Amino acid sequence: MIDGSVYRYDNRPHENLKHMKSYPKHFHDGSDEEINEGEFSEDPKEILRAFFADHQSKNSSLRGENYKDDR
């Protein structure tokens, strides 16, 4: 969760998402209601890499472009 927003990869086969090309794989982008399809690898490591890369950029933009996390 970033600033109260929900970001998550989901592969639960929701009936109402059967129209999506990536079904059952989808992505919650800011809330449970904001659902996007995407290109998802079958390799769990690649899914995590892509997820964290996307969210690192989202997190950086929320904090400011020049923010560096030294943790």
PDB file of N, CA and C in Angstrom:
ATOM      1  N   MET A   1       0.843  -1.167   0.000  1.00  0.00           N
ATOM      2  CA  MET A   1       0.000   0.000   0.000  1.00  0.00           C
ATOM      3  C   MET A   1       0.894   1.238   0.000  1.00  0.00           C
ATOM      4  N   ILE A   2       0.586   2.156  -0.874  1.00  0.00           N
ATOM      5  CA  ILE A   2       1.300   3.426  -0.937  1.00  0.00           C
ATOM      6  C   ILE A   2       0.273   4.515  -0.678  1.00  0.00           C
ATOM      7  N   ASP A   3       0.488   5.317   0.323  1.00  0.00           N
ATOM      8  CA  ASP A   3      -0.407   6.414   0.726  1.00  0.00           C
ATOM      9  C   ASP A   3      -1.888   6.022   0.735  1.00  0.00           C
ATOM     10  N   GLY A   4      -2.173   4.829   1.235  1.00  0.00           N
ATOM     11  CA  GLY A   4      -3.549   4.355   1.308  1.00  0.00           C
ATOM     12  C   GLY A   4      -4.070   3.718   0.032  1.00  0.00           C
ATOM     13  N   SER A   5      -3.254   3.716  -1.014  1.00  0.00           N
ATOM     14  CA  SER A   5      -3.654   3.116  -2.288  1.00  0.00           C
ATOM     15  C   SER A   5      -3.257   1.653  -2.334  1.00  0.00           C
ATOM     16  N   VAL A   6      -3.977   0.882  -3.124  1.00  0.00           N
ATOM     17  CA  VAL A   6      -3.726  -0.554  -3.255  1.00  0.00           C
ATOM     18  C   VAL A   6      -3.099  -0.827  -4.613  1.00  0.00           C
ATOM     19  N   TYR A   7      -1.951  -1.495  -4.611  1.00  0.00           N
ATOM     20  CA  TYR A   7      -1.290  -1.914  -5.843  1.00  0.00           C
ATOM     21  C   TYR A   7      -0.962  -3.386  -5.683  1.00  0.00           C
ATOM     22  N   ARG A   8      -1.528  -4.224  -6.559  1.00  0.00           N
ATOM     23  CA  ARG A   8      -1.211  -5.638  -6.428  1.00  0.00           C
ATOM     24  C   ARG A   8      -1.477  -6.391  -7.723  1.00  0.00           C
ATOM     25  N   TYR A   9      -0.658  -7.406  -7.923  1.00  0.00           N
ATOM     26  CA  TYR A   9      -0.856  -8.389  -8.982  1.00  0.00           C
ATOM     27  C   TYR A   9      -1.863  -9.395  -8.444  1.00  0.00           C
ATOM     28  N   ASP A  10      -2.771  -9.841  -9.286  1.00  0.00           N
ATOM     29  CA  ASP A  10      -3.814 -10.759  -8.837  1.00  0.00           C
ATOM     30  C   ASP A  10      -4.060 -11.778  -9.941  1.00  0.00           C
ATOM     31  N   ASN A  11      -4.156 -13.039  -9.574  1.00  0.00           N
ATOM     32  CA  ASN A  11      -4.472 -14.061 -10.575  1.00  0.00           C
ATOM     33  C   ASN A  11      -5.740 -14.837 -10.210  1.00  0.00           C
ATOM     34  N   ARG A  12      -6.529 -14.260  -9.330  1.00  0.00           N
ATOM     35  CA  ARG A  12      -7.808 -14.888  -8.982  1.00  0.00           C
ATOM     36  C   ARG A  12      -8.761 -14.741 -10.169  1.00  0.00           C
ATOM     37  N   PRO A  13      -9.406 -15.820 -10.585  1.00  0.00           N
ATOM     38  CA  PRO A  13     -10.262 -15.767 -11.774  1.00  0.00           C
ATOM     39  C   PRO A  13     -11.646 -15.166 -11.499  1.00  0.00           C
ATOM     40  N   HIS A  14     -11.714 -13.854 -11.398  1.00  0.00           N
ATOM     41  CA  HIS A  14     -12.988 -13.169 -11.194  1.00  0.00           C
ATOM     42  C   HIS A  14     -13.840 -13.312 -12.458  1.00  0.00           C
ATOM     43  N   GLU A  15     -15.075 -13.738 -12.299  1.00  0.00           N
ATOM     44  CA  GLU A  15     -15.985 -13.931 -13.442  1.00  0.00           C
ATOM     45  C   GLU A  15     -16.144 -12.665 -14.280  1.00  0.00           C
ATOM     46  N   ASN A  16     -16.218 -11.513 -13.623  1.00  0.00           N
ATOM     47  CA  ASN A  16     -16.461 -10.263 -14.346  1.00  0.00           C
ATOM     48  C   ASN A  16     -15.247  -9.772 -15.139  1.00  0.00           C
ATOM     49  N   LEU A  17     -14.120 -10.481 -15.051  1.00  0.00           N
ATOM     50  CA  LEU A  17     -12.916 -10.073 -15.786  1.00  0.00           C
ATOM     51  C   LEU A  17     -12.591 -11.012 -16.944  1.00  0.00           C
ATOM     52  N   LYS A  18     -13.485 -11.931 -17.254  1.00  0.00           N
ATOM     53  CA  LYS A  18     -13.224 -12.908 -18.315  1.00  0.00           C
ATOM     54  C   LYS A  18     -12.961 -12.262 -19.670  1.00  0.00           C
ATOM     55  N   HIS A  19     -13.416 -11.039 -19.864  1.00  0.00           N
ATOM     56  CA  HIS A  19     -13.207 -10.341 -21.130  1.00  0.00           C
ATOM     57  C   HIS A  19     -11.762  -9.876 -21.325  1.00  0.00           C
ATOM     58  N   MET A  20     -10.972  -9.861 -20.266  1.00  0.00           N
ATOM     59  CA  MET A  20      -9.596  -9.361 -20.351  1.00  0.00           C
ATOM     60  C   MET A  20      -8.687 -10.345 -21.079  1.00  0.00           C
ATOM     61  N   LYS A  21      -7.828  -9.794 -21.895  1.00  0.00           N
ATOM     62  CA  LYS A  21      -6.865 -10.602 -22.645  1.00  0.00           C
ATOM     63  C   LYS A  21      -5.955 -11.395 -21.709  1.00  0.00           C
ATOM     64  N   SER A  22      -5.593 -10.795 -20.590  1.00  0.00           N
ATOM     65  CA  SER A  22      -4.659 -11.434 -19.653  1.00  0.00           C
ATOM     66  C   SER A  22      -5.356 -12.318 -18.613  1.00  0.00           C
ATOM     67  N   TYR A  23      -6.674 -12.498 -18.730  1.00  0.00           N
ATOM     68  CA  TYR A  23      -7.452 -13.272 -17.754  1.00  0.00           C
ATOM     69  C   TYR A  23      -6.805 -14.626 -17.477  1.00  0.00           C
ATOM     70  N   PRO A  24      -6.706 -15.017 -16.213  1.00  0.00           N
ATOM     71  CA  PRO A  24      -7.230 -14.386 -15.001  1.00  0.00           C
ATOM     72  C   PRO A  24      -6.266 -13.377 -14.378  1.00  0.00           C
ATOM     73  N   LYS A  25      -5.108 -13.186 -14.984  1.00  0.00           N
ATOM     74  CA  LYS A  25      -4.103 -12.285 -14.409  1.00  0.00           C
ATOM     75  C   LYS A  25      -4.501 -10.833 -14.641  1.00  0.00           C
ATOM     76  N   HIS A  26      -4.404 -10.039 -13.579  1.00  0.00           N
ATOM     77  CA  HIS A  26      -4.723  -8.626 -13.665  1.00  0.00           C
ATOM     78  C   HIS A  26      -4.007  -7.874 -12.550  1.00  0.00           C
ATOM     79  N   PHE A  27      -4.141  -6.580 -12.579  1.00  0.00           N
ATOM     80  CA  PHE A  27      -3.395  -5.719 -11.687  1.00  0.00           C
ATOM     81  C   PHE A  27      -4.336  -4.678 -11.092  1.00  0.00           C
ATOM     82  N   HIS A  28      -4.307  -4.543  -9.774  1.00  0.00           N
ATOM     83  CA  HIS A  28      -5.075  -3.506  -9.086  1.00  0.00           C
ATOM     84  C   HIS A  28      -4.169  -2.282  -8.983  1.00  0.00           C
ATOM     85  N   ASP A  29      -4.577  -1.209  -9.629  1.00  0.00           N
ATOM     86  CA  ASP A  29      -3.720  -0.032  -9.784  1.00  0.00           C
ATOM     87  C   ASP A  29      -4.267   1.159  -9.007  1.00  0.00           C
ATOM     88  N   GLY A  30      -4.088   1.131  -7.702  1.00  0.00           N
ATOM     89  CA  GLY A  30      -4.505   2.239  -6.852  1.00  0.00           C
ATOM     90  C   GLY A  30      -5.688   1.926  -5.961  1.00  0.00           C
ATOM     91  N   SER A  31      -6.544   0.992  -6.418  1.00  0.00           N
ATOM     92  CA  SER A  31      -7.699   0.599  -5.608  1.00  0.00           C
ATOM     93  C   SER A  31      -8.181  -0.770  -6.064  1.00  0.00           C
ATOM     94  N   ASP A  32      -9.063  -1.359  -5.275  1.00  0.00           N
ATOM     95  CA  ASP A  32      -9.644  -2.645  -5.667  1.00  0.00           C
ATOM     96  C   ASP A  32     -10.505  -2.506  -6.918  1.00  0.00           C
ATOM     97  N   GLU A  33     -11.020  -1.314  -7.166  1.00  0.00           N
ATOM     98  CA  GLU A  33     -11.901  -1.087  -8.311  1.00  0.00           C
ATOM     99  C   GLU A  33     -11.141  -0.774  -9.599  1.00  0.00           C
ATOM    100  N   GLU A  34      -9.944  -0.224  -9.504  1.00  0.00           N
ATOM    101  CA  GLU A  34      -9.146   0.138 -10.684  1.00  0.00           C
ATOM    102  C   GLU A  34      -8.340  -1.082 -11.110  1.00  0.00           C
ATOM    103  N   ILE A  35      -8.842  -1.794 -12.109  1.00  0.00           N
ATOM    104  CA  ILE A  35      -8.242  -3.060 -12.529  1.00  0.00           C
ATOM    105  C   ILE A  35      -7.755  -2.941 -13.963  1.00  0.00           C
ATOM    106  N   ASN A  36      -6.518  -3.345 -14.182  1.00  0.00           N
ATOM    107  CA  ASN A  36      -5.918  -3.295 -15.510  1.00  0.00           C
ATOM    108  C   ASN A  36      -5.386  -4.659 -15.896  1.00  0.00           C
ATOM    109  N   GLU A  37      -5.413  -4.919 -17.191  1.00  0.00           N
ATOM    110  CA  GLU A  37      -4.753  -6.127 -17.670  1.00  0.00           C
ATOM    111  C   GLU A  37      -3.314  -5.766 -17.994  1.00  0.00           C
ATOM    112  N   GLY A  38      -2.506  -6.764 -18.206  1.00  0.00           N
ATOM    113  CA  GLY A  38      -1.113  -6.497 -18.510  1.00  0.00           C
ATOM    114  C   GLY A  38      -0.444  -7.711 -19.100  1.00  0.00           C
ATOM    115  N   GLU A  39       0.784  -7.518 -19.509  1.00  0.00           N
ATOM    116  CA  GLU A  39       1.600  -8.615 -20.011  1.00  0.00           C
ATOM    117  C   GLU A  39       2.301  -9.234 -18.810  1.00  0.00           C
ATOM    118  N   PHE A  40       1.924 -10.439 -18.457  1.00  0.00           N
ATOM    119  CA  PHE A  40       2.500 -11.094 -17.294  1.00  0.00           C
ATOM    120  C   PHE A  40       3.255 -12.337 -17.717  1.00  0.00           C
ATOM    121  N   SER A  41       4.447 -12.471 -17.227  1.00  0.00           N
ATOM    122  CA  SER A  41       5.261 -13.658 -17.461  1.00  0.00           C
ATOM    123  C   SER A  41       4.656 -14.842 -16.709  1.00  0.00           C
ATOM    124  N   GLU A  42       5.035 -16.026 -17.109  1.00  0.00           N
ATOM    125  CA  GLU A  42       4.657 -17.223 -16.353  1.00  0.00           C
ATOM    126  C   GLU A  42       5.659 -17.492 -15.229  1.00  0.00           C
ATOM    127  N   ASP A  43       6.805 -16.826 -15.274  1.00  0.00           N
ATOM    128  CA  ASP A  43       7.869 -17.001 -14.284  1.00  0.00           C
ATOM    129  C   ASP A  43       7.603 -16.090 -13.079  1.00  0.00           C
ATOM    130  N   PRO A  44       7.365 -16.652 -11.894  1.00  0.00           N
ATOM    131  CA  PRO A  44       7.081 -15.826 -10.711  1.00  0.00           C
ATOM    132  C   PRO A  44       8.158 -14.783 -10.421  1.00  0.00           C
ATOM    133  N   LYS A  45       9.423 -15.102 -10.668  1.00  0.00           N
ATOM    134  CA  LYS A  45      10.494 -14.123 -10.438  1.00  0.00           C
ATOM    135  C   LYS A  45      10.342 -12.922 -11.364  1.00  0.00           C
ATOM    136  N   GLU A  46       9.976 -13.172 -12.610  1.00  0.00           N
ATOM    137  CA  GLU A  46       9.781 -12.081 -13.564  1.00  0.00           C
ATOM    138  C   GLU A  46       8.562 -11.237 -13.201  1.00  0.00           C
ATOM    139  N   ILE A  47       7.524 -11.885 -12.710  1.00  0.00           N
ATOM    140  CA  ILE A  47       6.335 -11.145 -12.267  1.00  0.00           C
ATOM    141  C   ILE A  47       6.720 -10.192 -11.142  1.00  0.00           C
ATOM    142  N   LEU A  48       7.483 -10.684 -10.168  1.00  0.00           N
ATOM    143  CA  LEU A  48       7.913  -9.828  -9.052  1.00  0.00           C
ATOM    144  C   LEU A  48       8.818  -8.699  -9.512  1.00  0.00           C
ATOM    145  N   ARG A  49       9.761  -9.003 -10.401  1.00  0.00           N
ATOM    146  CA  ARG A  49      10.652  -7.949 -10.916  1.00  0.00           C
ATOM    147  C   ARG A  49       9.846  -6.837 -11.580  1.00  0.00           C
ATOM    148  N   ALA A  50       8.919  -7.217 -12.442  1.00  0.00           N
ATOM    149  CA  ALA A  50       8.111  -6.221 -13.145  1.00  0.00           C
ATOM    150  C   ALA A  50       7.241  -5.429 -12.167  1.00  0.00           C
ATOM    151  N   PHE A  51       6.643  -6.127 -11.213  1.00  0.00           N
ATOM    152  CA  PHE A  51       5.794  -5.473 -10.219  1.00  0.00           C
ATOM    153  C   PHE A  51       6.589  -4.447  -9.421  1.00  0.00           C
ATOM    154  N   PHE A  52       7.750  -4.846  -8.902  1.00  0.00           N
ATOM    155  CA  PHE A  52       8.542  -3.932  -8.082  1.00  0.00           C
ATOM    156  C   PHE A  52       9.132  -2.794  -8.900  1.00  0.00           C
ATOM    157  N   ALA A  53       9.521  -3.051 -10.132  1.00  0.00           N
ATOM    158  CA  ALA A  53      10.042  -1.975 -10.981  1.00  0.00           C
ATOM    159  C   ALA A  53       8.957  -0.927 -11.220  1.00  0.00           C
ATOM    160  N   ASP A  54       7.749  -1.373 -11.509  1.00  0.00           N
ATOM    161  CA  ASP A  54       6.641  -0.450 -11.741  1.00  0.00           C
ATOM    162  C   ASP A  54       6.326   0.345 -10.485  1.00  0.00           C
ATOM    163  N   HIS A  55       6.328  -0.313  -9.348  1.00  0.00           N
ATOM    164  CA  HIS A  55       5.970   0.366  -8.111  1.00  0.00           C
ATOM    165  C   HIS A  55       7.086   1.208  -7.543  1.00  0.00           C
ATOM    166  N   GLN A  56       8.305   0.888  -7.881  1.00  0.00           N
ATOM    167  CA  GLN A  56       9.404   1.758  -7.471  1.00  0.00           C
ATOM    168  C   GLN A  56       9.247   3.106  -8.173  1.00  0.00           C
ATOM    169  N   SER A  57       8.893   3.079  -9.450  1.00  0.00           N
ATOM    170  CA  SER A  57       8.713   4.339 -10.166  1.00  0.00           C
ATOM    171  C   SER A  57       7.484   5.093  -9.650  1.00  0.00           C
ATOM    172  N   LYS A  58       6.392   4.393  -9.335  1.00  0.00           N
ATOM    173  CA  LYS A  58       5.209   5.051  -8.765  1.00  0.00           C
ATOM    174  C   LYS A  58       5.553   5.667  -7.414  1.00  0.00           C
ATOM    175  N   ASN A  59       6.272   4.924  -6.575  1.00  0.00           N
ATOM    176  CA  ASN A  59       6.641   5.396  -5.251  1.00  0.00           C
ATOM    177  C   ASN A  59       7.558   6.610  -5.356  1.00  0.00           C
ATOM    178  N   SER A  60       8.504   6.583  -6.283  1.00  0.00           N
ATOM    179  CA  SER A  60       9.414   7.710  -6.466  1.00  0.00           C
ATOM    180  C   SER A  60       8.659   8.952  -6.904  1.00  0.00           C
ATOM    181  N   SER A  61       7.694   8.784  -7.794  1.00  0.00           N
ATOM    182  CA  SER A  61       6.951   9.950  -8.264  1.00  0.00           C
ATOM    183  C   SER A  61       6.081  10.538  -7.157  1.00  0.00           C
ATOM    184  N   LEU A  62       5.632   9.713  -6.228  1.00  0.00           N
ATOM    185  CA  LEU A  62       4.857  10.232  -5.105  1.00  0.00           C
ATOM    186  C   LEU A  62       5.731  11.039  -4.158  1.00  0.00           C
ATOM    187  N   ARG A  63       6.994  10.652  -4.043  1.00  0.00           N
ATOM    188  CA  ARG A  63       7.902  11.317  -3.106  1.00  0.00           C
ATOM    189  C   ARG A  63       8.638  12.487  -3.747  1.00  0.00           C
ATOM    190  N   GLY A  64       8.707  12.508  -5.050  1.00  0.00           N
ATOM    191  CA  GLY A  64       9.480  13.519  -5.765  1.00  0.00           C
ATOM    192  C   GLY A  64      10.525  12.835  -6.620  1.00  0.00           C
ATOM    193  N   GLU A  65      10.818  13.396  -7.765  1.00  0.00           N
ATOM    194  CA  GLU A  65      11.687  12.732  -8.733  1.00  0.00           C
ATOM    195  C   GLU A  65      13.089  12.454  -8.216  1.00  0.00           C
ATOM    196  N   ASN A  66      13.597  13.276  -7.337  1.00  0.00           N
ATOM    197  CA  ASN A  66      14.984  13.124  -6.897  1.00  0.00           C
ATOM    198  C   ASN A  66      15.124  12.346  -5.601  1.00  0.00           C
ATOM    199  N   TYR A  67      14.052  11.748  -5.133  1.00  0.00           N
ATOM    200  CA  TYR A  67      14.101  10.986  -3.888  1.00  0.00           C
ATOM    201  C   TYR A  67      14.944   9.737  -4.069  1.00  0.00           C
ATOM    202  N   LYS A  68      15.799   9.458  -3.088  1.00  0.00           N
ATOM    203  CA  LYS A  68      16.583   8.232  -3.100  1.00  0.00           C
ATOM    204  C   LYS A  68      16.395   7.538  -1.765  1.00  0.00           C
ATOM    205  N   ASP A  69      15.997   6.289  -1.802  1.00  0.00           N
ATOM    206  CA  ASP A  69      15.785   5.510  -0.586  1.00  0.00           C
ATOM    207  C   ASP A  69      17.071   4.764  -0.267  1.00  0.00           C
ATOM    208  N   ASP A  70      17.713   5.084   0.839  1.00  0.00           N
ATOM    209  CA  ASP A  70      18.996   4.465   1.205  1.00  0.00           C
ATOM    210  C   ASP A  70      18.839   3.315   2.179  1.00  0.00           C
ATOM    211  N   ARG A  71      17.645   2.769   2.282  1.00  0.00           N
ATOM    212  CA  ARG A  71      17.454   1.651   3.210  1.00  0.00           C
ATOM    213  C   ARG A  71      18.214   0.451   2.765  1.00  0.00           C
TER     214      ARG A  71
END
